[in-house]
Amino acid sequence: MKLQMTEEVEYHESHESHESYESVSTYSEEEDDRSKKESTYESLLEITREHIQEVQQELCLIKLCWPEVDRTKDLYLKTLPNSYCSVSDKEKLLAWYAENFRQQFHVKYPNRKPLLLACENECGVQKFVSTTIRRSTLPYPDLYTWQGCGKFVSDYVEYEPLDKALSMASN
């Protein structure tokens, strides 16, 4: 309920002004808020497998247009390397090849989930993800198992307790 202030001026012997508060009904605003909340709740319930597949399909599309990124509008963008905000000619050619591969993969395997071949970085520029096609291999085969990782950590990482473990870190 919303309160509206009105000033009533009554001229008495002392010429005093009196303030009173009138109650103004705002049921329509409350009903609007309720209906918005209900529609939001209903839209959350409408997430179906088909909707998820549509979103997944859109995420895996490769955009073959390369907009210019204005680095002057954001301080964070100024700190990033130029390669984050632009696409080289080699990357454009690679994107064309990746899109061709994506289309062929979709035709050959229509029931498989789509591959994530390119995604947008912090600047909104789409970059190729090479590990989708062939994963990167580590030069240390021992790190492929949890036992090998545990042995590596125990052999090469030495625990040193902090001097003041309970105090906040400072510069």
N, C-alpha and C. Protein backbone atom coordinates (compact mmCIF):
# COMPACT_ATOMS: atom_id res chain seq x y z
N MET A 1 0.84 -1.15 0.00
CA MET A 1 0.00 0.00 0.00
C MET A 1 0.90 1.23 0.00
N LYS A 2 0.55 2.23 -0.80
CA LYS A 2 1.37 3.40 -0.96
C LYS A 2 0.71 4.57 -0.25
N LEU A 3 1.50 5.38 0.41
CA LEU A 3 0.97 6.54 1.11
C LEU A 3 1.29 7.79 0.31
N GLN A 4 0.28 8.66 0.20
CA GLN A 4 0.47 9.89 -0.54
C GLN A 4 0.25 11.03 0.43
N MET A 5 1.16 12.00 0.42
CA MET A 5 1.06 13.10 1.35
C MET A 5 0.33 14.25 0.70
N THR A 6 -0.66 14.78 1.36
CA THR A 6 -1.36 15.98 0.88
C THR A 6 -1.31 17.01 1.98
N GLU A 7 -1.26 18.23 1.58
CA GLU A 7 -1.18 19.31 2.57
C GLU A 7 -2.52 20.02 2.61
N GLU A 8 -3.08 20.05 3.75
CA GLU A 8 -4.33 20.77 3.93
C GLU A 8 -4.04 22.02 4.73
N VAL A 9 -4.38 23.11 4.17
CA VAL A 9 -4.14 24.37 4.85
C VAL A 9 -5.47 24.87 5.40
N GLU A 10 -5.50 25.04 6.68
CA GLU A 10 -6.69 25.55 7.32
C GLU A 10 -6.31 26.86 7.98
N TYR A 11 -7.09 27.81 7.71
CA TYR A 11 -6.81 29.11 8.30
C TYR A 11 -7.62 29.25 9.58
N HIS A 12 -6.94 29.11 10.65
CA HIS A 12 -7.55 29.34 11.95
C HIS A 12 -6.98 30.63 12.48
N GLU A 13 -7.12 30.80 13.68
CA GLU A 13 -6.61 32.01 14.30
C GLU A 13 -5.09 32.06 14.22
N SER A 14 -4.41 30.94 14.23
CA SER A 14 -2.95 30.95 14.21
C SER A 14 -2.40 30.72 12.81
N HIS A 15 -3.23 30.48 11.81
CA HIS A 15 -2.82 30.22 10.43
C HIS A 15 -1.81 29.07 10.34
N GLU A 16 -2.11 27.95 10.98
CA GLU A 16 -1.22 26.79 10.95
C GLU A 16 -1.55 25.91 9.75
N SER A 17 -0.57 25.21 9.26
CA SER A 17 -0.82 24.23 8.20
C SER A 17 -0.75 22.85 8.82
N HIS A 18 -1.63 21.97 8.38
CA HIS A 18 -1.68 20.61 8.90
C HIS A 18 -1.40 19.65 7.76
N GLU A 19 -0.64 18.62 8.04
CA GLU A 19 -0.36 17.60 7.05
C GLU A 19 -1.16 16.36 7.39
N SER A 20 -1.71 15.72 6.36
CA SER A 20 -2.40 14.46 6.57
C SER A 20 -1.94 13.48 5.51
N TYR A 21 -2.07 12.20 5.81
CA TYR A 21 -1.66 11.16 4.89
C TYR A 21 -2.89 10.38 4.45
N GLU A 22 -3.04 10.27 3.15
CA GLU A 22 -4.16 9.52 2.61
C GLU A 22 -3.64 8.18 2.11
N SER A 23 -4.44 7.17 2.26
CA SER A 23 -4.07 5.84 1.77
C SER A 23 -4.54 5.70 0.33
N VAL A 24 -3.61 5.37 -0.55
CA VAL A 24 -3.93 5.19 -1.96
C VAL A 24 -3.70 3.73 -2.31
N SER A 25 -4.67 3.09 -2.88
CA SER A 25 -4.57 1.67 -3.20
C SER A 25 -3.74 1.47 -4.46
N THR A 26 -2.82 0.52 -4.42
CA THR A 26 -1.99 0.20 -5.59
C THR A 26 -2.04 -1.29 -5.87
N TYR A 27 -3.23 -1.84 -5.83
CA TYR A 27 -3.37 -3.27 -6.07
C TYR A 27 -2.94 -3.66 -7.47
N SER A 28 -3.11 -2.77 -8.43
CA SER A 28 -2.74 -3.11 -9.80
C SER A 28 -1.23 -3.34 -9.91
N GLU A 29 -0.43 -2.54 -9.22
CA GLU A 29 1.02 -2.73 -9.25
C GLU A 29 1.42 -4.05 -8.59
N GLU A 30 0.77 -4.36 -7.47
CA GLU A 30 1.07 -5.61 -6.79
C GLU A 30 0.67 -6.81 -7.64
N GLU A 31 -0.47 -6.69 -8.31
CA GLU A 31 -0.91 -7.78 -9.18
C GLU A 31 0.04 -7.95 -10.35
N ASP A 32 0.55 -6.81 -10.89
CA ASP A 32 1.52 -6.88 -11.98
C ASP A 32 2.78 -7.59 -11.53
N ASP A 33 3.25 -7.25 -10.32
CA ASP A 33 4.45 -7.90 -9.80
C ASP A 33 4.23 -9.40 -9.64
N ARG A 34 3.05 -9.78 -9.12
CA ARG A 34 2.76 -11.20 -8.95
C ARG A 34 2.71 -11.91 -10.29
N SER A 35 2.09 -11.28 -11.28
CA SER A 35 1.98 -11.93 -12.59
C SER A 35 3.35 -12.06 -13.25
N LYS A 36 4.24 -11.06 -13.03
CA LYS A 36 5.59 -11.15 -13.58
C LYS A 36 6.35 -12.31 -12.93
N LYS A 37 6.22 -12.43 -11.61
CA LYS A 37 6.89 -13.53 -10.92
C LYS A 37 6.36 -14.87 -11.38
N GLU A 38 5.04 -14.96 -11.56
CA GLU A 38 4.45 -16.22 -12.02
C GLU A 38 4.90 -16.56 -13.44
N SER A 39 4.97 -15.53 -14.31
CA SER A 39 5.40 -15.80 -15.69
C SER A 39 6.87 -16.21 -15.72
N THR A 40 7.69 -15.61 -14.85
CA THR A 40 9.09 -16.01 -14.77
C THR A 40 9.19 -17.45 -14.29
N TYR A 41 8.39 -17.80 -13.30
CA TYR A 41 8.40 -19.16 -12.78
C TYR A 41 7.93 -20.14 -13.86
N GLU A 42 6.89 -19.75 -14.61
CA GLU A 42 6.40 -20.62 -15.68
C GLU A 42 7.44 -20.77 -16.77
N SER A 43 8.16 -19.67 -17.10
CA SER A 43 9.16 -19.78 -18.15
C SER A 43 10.32 -20.68 -17.72
N LEU A 44 10.60 -20.73 -16.43
CA LEU A 44 11.63 -21.64 -15.95
C LEU A 44 11.17 -23.09 -16.07
N LEU A 45 9.89 -23.31 -15.91
CA LEU A 45 9.37 -24.66 -16.01
C LEU A 45 9.27 -25.14 -17.45
N GLU A 46 9.30 -24.20 -18.41
CA GLU A 46 9.15 -24.56 -19.81
C GLU A 46 10.45 -25.03 -20.45
N ILE A 47 11.50 -25.18 -19.68
CA ILE A 47 12.76 -25.67 -20.22
C ILE A 47 12.61 -27.16 -20.49
N THR A 48 12.70 -27.50 -21.75
CA THR A 48 12.52 -28.89 -22.16
C THR A 48 13.79 -29.38 -22.84
N ARG A 49 13.81 -30.66 -23.14
CA ARG A 49 14.95 -31.24 -23.83
C ARG A 49 15.14 -30.58 -25.20
N GLU A 50 14.04 -30.29 -25.87
CA GLU A 50 14.12 -29.65 -27.19
C GLU A 50 14.75 -28.26 -27.08
N HIS A 51 14.34 -27.52 -26.03
CA HIS A 51 14.89 -26.17 -25.82
C HIS A 51 16.39 -26.24 -25.54
N ILE A 52 16.80 -27.18 -24.75
CA ILE A 52 18.23 -27.35 -24.44
C ILE A 52 19.01 -27.71 -25.70
N GLN A 53 18.43 -28.57 -26.53
CA GLN A 53 19.11 -28.94 -27.78
C GLN A 53 19.23 -27.76 -28.73
N GLU A 54 18.20 -26.89 -28.77
CA GLU A 54 18.27 -25.69 -29.61
C GLU A 54 19.39 -24.76 -29.14
N VAL A 55 19.47 -24.55 -27.84
CA VAL A 55 20.52 -23.68 -27.29
C VAL A 55 21.89 -24.28 -27.55
N GLN A 56 22.02 -25.58 -27.37
CA GLN A 56 23.29 -26.25 -27.61
C GLN A 56 23.69 -26.13 -29.08
N GLN A 57 22.71 -26.24 -29.97
CA GLN A 57 22.98 -26.11 -31.40
C GLN A 57 23.48 -24.70 -31.71
N GLU A 58 22.85 -23.68 -31.10
CA GLU A 58 23.27 -22.30 -31.33
C GLU A 58 24.68 -22.06 -30.79
N LEU A 59 25.01 -22.65 -29.64
CA LEU A 59 26.33 -22.45 -29.05
C LEU A 59 27.43 -23.03 -29.92
N CYS A 60 27.11 -24.08 -30.66
CA CYS A 60 28.13 -24.76 -31.45
C CYS A 60 28.26 -24.21 -32.86
N LEU A 61 27.47 -23.20 -33.20
CA LEU A 61 27.59 -22.61 -34.53
C LEU A 61 28.84 -21.75 -34.60
N ILE A 62 29.43 -21.71 -35.76
CA ILE A 62 30.62 -20.89 -35.98
C ILE A 62 30.20 -19.67 -36.77
N LYS A 63 30.46 -18.50 -36.22
CA LYS A 63 30.10 -17.25 -36.89
C LYS A 63 31.20 -16.89 -37.87
N LEU A 64 30.81 -16.67 -39.09
CA LEU A 64 31.79 -16.34 -40.12
C LEU A 64 31.75 -14.85 -40.44
N CYS A 65 31.51 -14.05 -39.43
CA CYS A 65 31.63 -12.59 -39.55
C CYS A 65 32.46 -12.14 -38.35
N TRP A 66 33.28 -11.15 -38.57
CA TRP A 66 34.23 -10.76 -37.54
C TRP A 66 34.10 -9.27 -37.26
N PRO A 67 33.29 -8.90 -36.27
CA PRO A 67 33.12 -7.48 -35.96
C PRO A 67 34.35 -6.91 -35.28
N GLU A 68 34.53 -5.61 -35.44
CA GLU A 68 35.63 -4.92 -34.78
C GLU A 68 35.27 -4.68 -33.32
N VAL A 69 36.21 -4.88 -32.44
CA VAL A 69 36.00 -4.67 -31.01
C VAL A 69 36.63 -3.34 -30.62
N ASP A 70 35.82 -2.46 -30.01
CA ASP A 70 36.32 -1.17 -29.57
C ASP A 70 36.97 -1.34 -28.19
N ARG A 71 38.28 -1.29 -28.17
CA ARG A 71 39.02 -1.52 -26.93
C ARG A 71 39.07 -0.30 -26.04
N THR A 72 38.68 0.86 -26.56
CA THR A 72 38.78 2.09 -25.77
C THR A 72 37.65 2.23 -24.76
N LYS A 73 36.57 1.47 -24.93
CA LYS A 73 35.42 1.66 -24.04
C LYS A 73 35.55 0.93 -22.71
N ASP A 74 36.49 0.00 -22.60
CA ASP A 74 36.60 -0.79 -21.38
C ASP A 74 38.06 -0.87 -20.95
N LEU A 75 38.31 -0.60 -19.69
CA LEU A 75 39.68 -0.64 -19.16
C LEU A 75 40.24 -2.05 -19.20
N TYR A 76 39.39 -3.04 -18.94
CA TYR A 76 39.85 -4.44 -18.96
C TYR A 76 40.31 -4.84 -20.36
N LEU A 77 39.58 -4.40 -21.39
CA LEU A 77 39.95 -4.76 -22.76
C LEU A 77 41.29 -4.15 -23.15
N LYS A 78 41.64 -3.01 -22.57
CA LYS A 78 42.92 -2.38 -22.88
C LYS A 78 44.10 -3.21 -22.38
N THR A 79 43.88 -4.00 -21.33
CA THR A 79 44.97 -4.79 -20.76
C THR A 79 45.22 -6.09 -21.52
N LEU A 80 44.27 -6.49 -22.35
CA LEU A 80 44.40 -7.75 -23.09
C LEU A 80 45.28 -7.58 -24.32
N PRO A 81 45.93 -8.63 -24.78
CA PRO A 81 46.72 -8.56 -26.01
C PRO A 81 45.83 -8.31 -27.23
N ASN A 82 46.43 -7.79 -28.29
CA ASN A 82 45.68 -7.49 -29.51
C ASN A 82 45.04 -8.73 -30.11
N SER A 83 45.67 -9.88 -29.96
CA SER A 83 45.15 -11.11 -30.55
C SER A 83 43.82 -11.54 -29.91
N TYR A 84 43.51 -11.06 -28.71
CA TYR A 84 42.23 -11.39 -28.08
C TYR A 84 41.08 -10.66 -28.75
N CYS A 85 41.33 -9.45 -29.23
CA CYS A 85 40.26 -8.61 -29.75
C CYS A 85 40.17 -8.61 -31.27
N SER A 86 41.05 -9.30 -31.94
CA SER A 86 41.02 -9.32 -33.41
C SER A 86 41.19 -10.75 -33.90
N VAL A 87 40.87 -10.94 -35.17
CA VAL A 87 40.97 -12.25 -35.79
C VAL A 87 41.90 -12.12 -36.99
N SER A 88 42.98 -12.91 -36.99
CA SER A 88 43.93 -12.85 -38.10
C SER A 88 43.36 -13.56 -39.32
N ASP A 89 44.02 -13.39 -40.46
CA ASP A 89 43.57 -14.05 -41.68
C ASP A 89 43.65 -15.57 -41.55
N LYS A 90 44.68 -16.06 -40.87
CA LYS A 90 44.80 -17.51 -40.67
C LYS A 90 43.65 -18.03 -39.81
N GLU A 91 43.26 -17.27 -38.79
CA GLU A 91 42.15 -17.68 -37.94
C GLU A 91 40.83 -17.66 -38.70
N LYS A 92 40.67 -16.69 -39.60
CA LYS A 92 39.46 -16.65 -40.43
C LYS A 92 39.39 -17.88 -41.33
N LEU A 93 40.51 -18.24 -41.95
CA LEU A 93 40.55 -19.42 -42.80
C LEU A 93 40.26 -20.68 -41.98
N LEU A 94 40.83 -20.74 -40.80
CA LEU A 94 40.59 -21.88 -39.91
C LEU A 94 39.11 -21.96 -39.51
N ALA A 95 38.47 -20.81 -39.30
CA ALA A 95 37.05 -20.80 -38.97
C ALA A 95 36.21 -21.33 -40.12
N TRP A 96 36.59 -20.99 -41.36
CA TRP A 96 35.88 -21.52 -42.53
C TRP A 96 36.03 -23.04 -42.59
N TYR A 97 37.23 -23.54 -42.38
CA TYR A 97 37.46 -24.98 -42.38
C TYR A 97 36.68 -25.67 -41.25
N ALA A 98 36.67 -25.04 -40.09
CA ALA A 98 35.97 -25.62 -38.94
C ALA A 98 34.46 -25.67 -39.19
N GLU A 99 33.92 -24.63 -39.81
CA GLU A 99 32.49 -24.62 -40.12
C GLU A 99 32.16 -25.69 -41.15
N ASN A 100 33.02 -25.86 -42.14
CA ASN A 100 32.83 -26.91 -43.14
C ASN A 100 32.85 -28.28 -42.45
N PHE A 101 33.81 -28.49 -41.56
CA PHE A 101 33.90 -29.75 -40.82
C PHE A 101 32.66 -29.97 -39.96
N ARG A 102 32.20 -28.91 -39.30
CA ARG A 102 31.01 -29.01 -38.44
C ARG A 102 29.79 -29.44 -39.25
N GLN A 103 29.62 -28.85 -40.44
CA GLN A 103 28.48 -29.21 -41.28
C GLN A 103 28.57 -30.66 -41.74
N GLN A 104 29.75 -31.09 -42.15
CA GLN A 104 29.93 -32.48 -42.59
C GLN A 104 29.68 -33.45 -41.43
N PHE A 105 30.17 -33.11 -40.25
CA PHE A 105 29.97 -33.94 -39.07
C PHE A 105 28.48 -34.07 -38.76
N HIS A 106 27.76 -32.95 -38.86
CA HIS A 106 26.32 -32.97 -38.57
C HIS A 106 25.55 -33.82 -39.58
N VAL A 107 25.96 -33.78 -40.84
CA VAL A 107 25.30 -34.59 -41.87
C VAL A 107 25.60 -36.07 -41.65
N LYS A 108 26.84 -36.38 -41.34
CA LYS A 108 27.24 -37.78 -41.18
C LYS A 108 26.72 -38.39 -39.87
N TYR A 109 26.70 -37.60 -38.80
CA TYR A 109 26.27 -38.08 -37.49
C TYR A 109 25.17 -37.16 -36.94
N PRO A 110 23.95 -37.24 -37.46
CA PRO A 110 22.90 -36.31 -37.03
C PRO A 110 22.43 -36.53 -35.59
N ASN A 111 22.61 -37.72 -35.05
CA ASN A 111 22.13 -38.00 -33.70
C ASN A 111 23.15 -37.69 -32.61
N ARG A 112 24.36 -37.39 -32.98
CA ARG A 112 25.38 -37.06 -31.97
C ARG A 112 25.24 -35.61 -31.55
N LYS A 113 25.71 -35.34 -30.34
CA LYS A 113 25.67 -33.95 -29.89
C LYS A 113 26.67 -33.14 -30.71
N PRO A 114 26.37 -31.87 -30.97
CA PRO A 114 27.26 -31.07 -31.81
C PRO A 114 28.59 -30.79 -31.12
N LEU A 115 29.62 -30.65 -31.93
CA LEU A 115 30.96 -30.37 -31.41
C LEU A 115 31.11 -28.89 -31.11
N LEU A 116 31.82 -28.58 -30.06
CA LEU A 116 32.15 -27.20 -29.75
C LEU A 116 33.51 -26.92 -30.39
N LEU A 117 33.46 -26.31 -31.56
CA LEU A 117 34.70 -26.05 -32.30
C LEU A 117 35.21 -24.63 -32.10
N ALA A 118 34.33 -23.72 -31.75
CA ALA A 118 34.73 -22.33 -31.53
C ALA A 118 33.82 -21.72 -30.48
N CYS A 119 34.38 -20.87 -29.65
CA CYS A 119 33.57 -20.17 -28.65
C CYS A 119 34.11 -18.76 -28.48
N GLU A 120 33.27 -17.90 -27.92
CA GLU A 120 33.64 -16.50 -27.75
C GLU A 120 34.54 -16.34 -26.53
N ASN A 121 35.52 -15.45 -26.67
CA ASN A 121 36.40 -15.15 -25.55
C ASN A 121 35.86 -13.94 -24.78
N GLU A 122 36.68 -13.35 -23.92
CA GLU A 122 36.27 -12.23 -23.09
C GLU A 122 35.84 -11.02 -23.89
N CYS A 123 36.38 -10.88 -25.09
CA CYS A 123 36.10 -9.71 -25.93
C CYS A 123 34.90 -9.94 -26.85
N GLY A 124 34.32 -11.11 -26.83
CA GLY A 124 33.21 -11.42 -27.72
C GLY A 124 33.66 -11.87 -29.09
N VAL A 125 34.95 -12.18 -29.23
CA VAL A 125 35.50 -12.64 -30.50
C VAL A 125 35.54 -14.16 -30.46
N GLN A 126 35.04 -14.78 -31.51
CA GLN A 126 35.00 -16.24 -31.55
C GLN A 126 36.36 -16.79 -31.94
N LYS A 127 36.87 -17.71 -31.13
CA LYS A 127 38.17 -18.33 -31.36
C LYS A 127 38.01 -19.84 -31.46
N PHE A 128 38.89 -20.47 -32.23
CA PHE A 128 38.85 -21.91 -32.48
C PHE A 128 39.35 -22.67 -31.26
N VAL A 129 38.67 -23.78 -30.93
CA VAL A 129 39.05 -24.64 -29.81
C VAL A 129 39.64 -25.91 -30.41
N SER A 130 40.95 -26.02 -30.40
CA SER A 130 41.60 -27.13 -31.10
C SER A 130 41.45 -28.46 -30.40
N THR A 131 41.21 -28.46 -29.11
CA THR A 131 41.16 -29.74 -28.38
C THR A 131 39.89 -30.51 -28.65
N THR A 132 38.93 -29.92 -29.36
CA THR A 132 37.71 -30.65 -29.69
C THR A 132 37.99 -31.75 -30.69
N ILE A 133 38.81 -31.45 -31.68
CA ILE A 133 39.09 -32.42 -32.74
C ILE A 133 40.12 -33.44 -32.27
N ARG A 134 41.23 -32.97 -31.77
CA ARG A 134 42.26 -33.87 -31.25
C ARG A 134 42.78 -33.27 -29.95
N ARG A 135 42.61 -34.00 -28.89
CA ARG A 135 43.00 -33.46 -27.59
C ARG A 135 44.51 -33.27 -27.52
N SER A 136 44.89 -32.30 -26.74
CA SER A 136 46.31 -32.05 -26.53
C SER A 136 46.87 -33.15 -25.65
N THR A 137 48.05 -33.60 -25.97
CA THR A 137 48.68 -34.64 -25.16
C THR A 137 49.81 -34.03 -24.34
N LEU A 138 49.92 -34.50 -23.14
CA LEU A 138 50.99 -34.04 -22.27
C LEU A 138 52.26 -34.83 -22.56
N PRO A 139 53.41 -34.20 -22.41
CA PRO A 139 54.65 -34.94 -22.66
C PRO A 139 55.00 -35.92 -21.54
N TYR A 140 54.18 -35.95 -20.49
CA TYR A 140 54.44 -36.84 -19.36
C TYR A 140 53.30 -37.85 -19.25
N PRO A 141 53.49 -39.06 -19.76
CA PRO A 141 52.41 -40.06 -19.73
C PRO A 141 52.01 -40.48 -18.32
N ASP A 142 52.88 -40.25 -17.34
CA ASP A 142 52.53 -40.61 -15.96
C ASP A 142 51.36 -39.79 -15.44
N LEU A 143 51.13 -38.61 -16.01
CA LEU A 143 50.08 -37.73 -15.51
C LEU A 143 48.69 -38.09 -16.03
N TYR A 144 48.56 -39.16 -16.80
CA TYR A 144 47.26 -39.56 -17.32
C TYR A 144 46.46 -40.39 -16.33
N THR A 145 47.07 -40.88 -15.27
CA THR A 145 46.35 -41.65 -14.26
C THR A 145 46.42 -40.92 -12.93
N TRP A 146 45.46 -41.21 -12.05
CA TRP A 146 45.47 -40.53 -10.76
C TRP A 146 46.64 -40.98 -9.91
N GLN A 147 47.10 -42.22 -10.10
CA GLN A 147 48.26 -42.68 -9.34
C GLN A 147 49.51 -41.92 -9.77
N GLY A 148 49.65 -41.71 -11.07
CA GLY A 148 50.79 -40.97 -11.58
C GLY A 148 50.77 -39.52 -11.13
N CYS A 149 49.57 -38.92 -11.11
CA CYS A 149 49.45 -37.53 -10.64
C CYS A 149 49.81 -37.44 -9.16
N GLY A 150 49.34 -38.41 -8.37
CA GLY A 150 49.66 -38.43 -6.94
C GLY A 150 51.15 -38.59 -6.70
N LYS A 151 51.79 -39.45 -7.47
CA LYS A 151 53.23 -39.65 -7.34
C LYS A 151 53.99 -38.38 -7.72
N PHE A 152 53.53 -37.71 -8.79
CA PHE A 152 54.17 -36.46 -9.22
C PHE A 152 54.08 -35.41 -8.12
N VAL A 153 52.89 -35.26 -7.54
CA VAL A 153 52.71 -34.26 -6.48
C VAL A 153 53.57 -34.60 -5.27
N SER A 154 53.60 -35.87 -4.87
CA SER A 154 54.39 -36.24 -3.69
C SER A 154 55.89 -36.11 -3.94
N ASP A 155 56.33 -36.31 -5.17
CA ASP A 155 57.76 -36.23 -5.47
C ASP A 155 58.25 -34.80 -5.69
N TYR A 156 57.42 -33.96 -6.31
CA TYR A 156 57.91 -32.65 -6.76
C TYR A 156 57.30 -31.45 -6.05
N VAL A 157 56.25 -31.62 -5.29
CA VAL A 157 55.63 -30.50 -4.59
C VAL A 157 55.95 -30.64 -3.11
N GLU A 158 56.54 -29.59 -2.56
CA GLU A 158 56.90 -29.62 -1.14
C GLU A 158 56.02 -28.63 -0.39
N TYR A 159 55.37 -29.11 0.64
CA TYR A 159 54.47 -28.28 1.43
C TYR A 159 55.28 -27.44 2.41
N GLU A 160 55.03 -26.13 2.37
CA GLU A 160 55.65 -25.22 3.32
C GLU A 160 54.55 -24.46 4.03
N PRO A 161 54.39 -24.63 5.34
CA PRO A 161 53.33 -23.91 6.05
C PRO A 161 53.62 -22.42 6.09
N LEU A 162 52.56 -21.63 6.13
CA LEU A 162 52.70 -20.18 6.20
C LEU A 162 53.18 -19.77 7.58
N ASP A 163 53.87 -18.62 7.64
CA ASP A 163 54.34 -18.11 8.92
C ASP A 163 53.15 -17.73 9.81
N LYS A 164 52.22 -16.97 9.24
CA LYS A 164 51.03 -16.55 9.97
C LYS A 164 49.83 -17.12 9.23
N ALA A 165 49.48 -18.33 9.53
CA ALA A 165 48.44 -19.03 8.78
C ALA A 165 47.05 -18.44 8.98
N LEU A 166 46.79 -17.80 10.11
CA LEU A 166 45.46 -17.29 10.39
C LEU A 166 45.29 -15.81 10.09
N SER A 167 46.33 -15.12 9.65
CA SER A 167 46.19 -13.69 9.35
C SER A 167 45.95 -13.51 7.85
N MET A 168 45.36 -12.36 7.52
CA MET A 168 45.05 -12.05 6.13
C MET A 168 46.34 -11.76 5.37
N ALA A 169 46.35 -12.11 4.11
CA ALA A 169 47.52 -11.84 3.27
C ALA A 169 47.60 -10.36 2.97
N SER A 170 48.81 -9.85 2.90
CA SER A 170 49.02 -8.44 2.55
C SER A 170 49.99 -8.38 1.39
N ASN A 171 50.08 -7.20 0.81
CA ASN A 171 50.96 -7.04 -0.35
C ASN A 171 52.36 -7.27 0.09
